[in-house]
Amino acid sequence: MAVRRIEPILAEIMAALDGISTSTTGKTLDDFRDDWLLRHGVERGIEIISEATRHIPDDLLALAPEIPWKQIRGIGNVVRHEYHKTSDAIV
């Protein structure tokens, strides 16, 4: 895996988190379920976060052991390959 600069990686994660937060603020679970574009946009944001965390060095991840990095890295595969099994309530 090619080494990437950390600043753009963190910026990608923050942009995805901000986009998800902005898009879902004030929405109910029913709003989320009924809005195809919102659901897919949030799922794409999760994919971006998941993939970006794969490029964060392990020594940096170790600075925040309370964050479930393994699950964050793995959720992208679920959203990409097992999308038919995803739960709107969990997303």
C-alpha atoms as a PDB file:
ATOM      1  CA  MET A   1       0.000   0.000   0.000  1.00  0.00           C
ATOM      2  CA  ALA A   2       1.379   3.398  -0.961  1.00  0.00           C
ATOM      3  CA  VAL A   3       2.004   5.790   1.889  1.00  0.00           C
ATOM      4  CA  ARG A   4      -0.216   8.857   1.791  1.00  0.00           C
ATOM      5  CA  ARG A   5       0.121  12.112   3.671  1.00  0.00           C
ATOM      6  CA  ILE A   6      -2.046  12.058   6.770  1.00  0.00           C
ATOM      7  CA  GLU A   7      -3.557  15.552   6.436  1.00  0.00           C
ATOM      8  CA  PRO A   8      -5.595  14.811   3.283  1.00  0.00           C
ATOM      9  CA  ILE A   9      -6.743  11.511   4.764  1.00  0.00           C
ATOM     10  CA  LEU A  10      -8.011  13.197   7.908  1.00  0.00           C
ATOM     11  CA  ALA A  11      -9.610  15.952   5.802  1.00  0.00           C
ATOM     12  CA  GLU A  12     -11.492  13.290   3.781  1.00  0.00           C
ATOM     13  CA  ILE A  13     -12.776  11.703   6.984  1.00  0.00           C
ATOM     14  CA  MET A  14     -13.853  15.041   8.434  1.00  0.00           C
ATOM     15  CA  ALA A  15     -15.584  16.067   5.186  1.00  0.00           C
ATOM     16  CA  ALA A  16     -17.513  12.782   5.108  1.00  0.00           C
ATOM     17  CA  LEU A  17     -18.493  13.114   8.771  1.00  0.00           C
ATOM     18  CA  ASP A  18     -19.597  16.710   8.229  1.00  0.00           C
ATOM     19  CA  GLY A  19     -21.605  15.732   5.146  1.00  0.00           C
ATOM     20  CA  ILE A  20     -23.330  12.896   6.971  1.00  0.00           C
ATOM     21  CA  SER A  21     -24.078  15.113   9.956  1.00  0.00           C
ATOM     22  CA  THR A  22     -25.397  17.977   7.842  1.00  0.00           C
ATOM     23  CA  SER A  23     -27.546  15.667   5.717  1.00  0.00           C
ATOM     24  CA  THR A  24     -29.095  13.793   8.618  1.00  0.00           C
ATOM     25  CA  THR A  25     -29.622  16.592  11.136  1.00  0.00           C
ATOM     26  CA  GLY A  26     -33.315  16.921  11.892  1.00  0.00           C
ATOM     27  CA  LYS A  27     -34.186  13.728  10.002  1.00  0.00           C
ATOM     28  CA  THR A  28     -36.047  10.822  11.499  1.00  0.00           C
ATOM     29  CA  LEU A  29     -35.339   7.183  10.778  1.00  0.00           C
ATOM     30  CA  ASP A  30     -38.435   7.162   8.573  1.00  0.00           C
ATOM     31  CA  ASP A  31     -37.113  10.196   6.669  1.00  0.00           C
ATOM     32  CA  PHE A  32     -33.866   8.294   6.155  1.00  0.00           C
ATOM     33  CA  ARG A  33     -35.639   5.123   4.996  1.00  0.00           C
ATOM     34  CA  ASP A  34     -37.850   7.041   2.579  1.00  0.00           C
ATOM     35  CA  ASP A  35     -35.060   9.096   0.968  1.00  0.00           C
ATOM     36  CA  TRP A  36     -33.091   6.963  -1.488  1.00  0.00           C
ATOM     37  CA  LEU A  37     -30.503   9.670  -2.133  1.00  0.00           C
ATOM     38  CA  LEU A  38     -29.971  10.382   1.566  1.00  0.00           C
ATOM     39  CA  ARG A  39     -29.492   6.671   2.353  1.00  0.00           C
ATOM     40  CA  HIS A  40     -27.019   6.184  -0.454  1.00  0.00           C
ATOM     41  CA  GLY A  41     -25.193   9.412   0.332  1.00  0.00           C
ATOM     42  CA  VAL A  42     -24.709   8.377   3.957  1.00  0.00           C
ATOM     43  CA  GLU A  43     -23.569   4.926   2.877  1.00  0.00           C
ATOM     44  CA  ARG A  44     -21.050   6.507   0.491  1.00  0.00           C
ATOM     45  CA  GLY A  45     -19.782   8.716   3.305  1.00  0.00           C
ATOM     46  CA  ILE A  46     -19.308   5.608   5.447  1.00  0.00           C
ATOM     47  CA  GLU A  47     -17.397   3.944   2.606  1.00  0.00           C
ATOM     48  CA  ILE A  48     -15.092   6.959   2.332  1.00  0.00           C
ATOM     49  CA  ILE A  49     -14.448   6.996   6.080  1.00  0.00           C
ATOM     50  CA  SER A  50     -13.816   3.258   6.102  1.00  0.00           C
ATOM     51  CA  GLU A  51     -11.372   3.390   3.199  1.00  0.00           C
ATOM     52  CA  ALA A  52      -9.566   6.472   4.496  1.00  0.00           C
ATOM     53  CA  THR A  53      -8.934   4.846   7.883  1.00  0.00           C
ATOM     54  CA  ARG A  54      -7.076   2.057   6.076  1.00  0.00           C
ATOM     55  CA  HIS A  55      -4.427   4.648   5.202  1.00  0.00           C
ATOM     56  CA  ILE A  56      -3.886   5.875   8.759  1.00  0.00           C
ATOM     57  CA  PRO A  57      -0.726   4.348  10.234  1.00  0.00           C
ATOM     58  CA  ASP A  58      -1.269   1.929  13.115  1.00  0.00           C
ATOM     59  CA  ASP A  59       0.885   4.000  15.465  1.00  0.00           C
ATOM     60  CA  LEU A  60      -1.461   6.949  14.940  1.00  0.00           C
ATOM     61  CA  LEU A  61      -4.545   4.766  15.432  1.00  0.00           C
ATOM     62  CA  ALA A  62      -3.040   3.578  18.716  1.00  0.00           C
ATOM     63  CA  LEU A  63      -3.346   7.149  20.045  1.00  0.00           C
ATOM     64  CA  ALA A  64      -7.137   6.685  20.151  1.00  0.00           C
ATOM     65  CA  PRO A  65      -7.686   3.094  21.343  1.00  0.00           C
ATOM     66  CA  GLU A  66     -11.285   3.870  22.352  1.00  0.00           C
ATOM     67  CA  ILE A  67     -12.254   4.173  18.679  1.00  0.00           C
ATOM     68  CA  PRO A  68     -13.211   0.816  17.091  1.00  0.00           C
ATOM     69  CA  TRP A  69     -10.818   1.145  14.131  1.00  0.00           C
ATOM     70  CA  LYS A  70     -11.162  -2.491  13.031  1.00  0.00           C
ATOM     71  CA  GLN A  71     -14.951  -2.162  12.780  1.00  0.00           C
ATOM     72  CA  ILE A  72     -14.668   1.185  10.984  1.00  0.00           C
ATOM     73  CA  ARG A  73     -12.270  -0.334   8.470  1.00  0.00           C
ATOM     74  CA  GLY A  74     -14.578  -3.338   7.990  1.00  0.00           C
ATOM     75  CA  ILE A  75     -17.911  -1.521   7.628  1.00  0.00           C
ATOM     76  CA  GLY A  76     -16.961  -0.324   4.150  1.00  0.00           C
ATOM     77  CA  ASN A  77     -16.886  -3.914   2.913  1.00  0.00           C
ATOM     78  CA  VAL A  78     -20.339  -4.528   4.338  1.00  0.00           C
ATOM     79  CA  VAL A  79     -21.765  -1.405   2.678  1.00  0.00           C
ATOM     80  CA  ARG A  80     -20.061  -2.248  -0.639  1.00  0.00           C
ATOM     81  CA  HIS A  81     -20.587  -5.998  -0.843  1.00  0.00           C
ATOM     82  CA  GLU A  82     -23.430  -6.866   1.512  1.00  0.00           C
ATOM     83  CA  TYR A  83     -25.558  -3.743   1.036  1.00  0.00           C
ATOM     84  CA  HIS A  84     -28.690  -5.889   0.866  1.00  0.00           C
ATOM     85  CA  LYS A  85     -28.041  -6.897   4.496  1.00  0.00           C
ATOM     86  CA  THR A  86     -27.488  -3.433   5.936  1.00  0.00           C
ATOM     87  CA  SER A  87     -29.905  -2.108   8.521  1.00  0.00           C
ATOM     88  CA  ASP A  88     -31.105   1.467   8.088  1.00  0.00           C
ATOM     89  CA  ALA A  89     -31.305   1.801  11.870  1.00  0.00           C
ATOM     90  CA  ILE A  90     -27.653   0.800  12.258  1.00  0.00           C
ATOM     91  CA  VAL A  91     -26.434   2.971   9.379  1.00  0.00           C
END
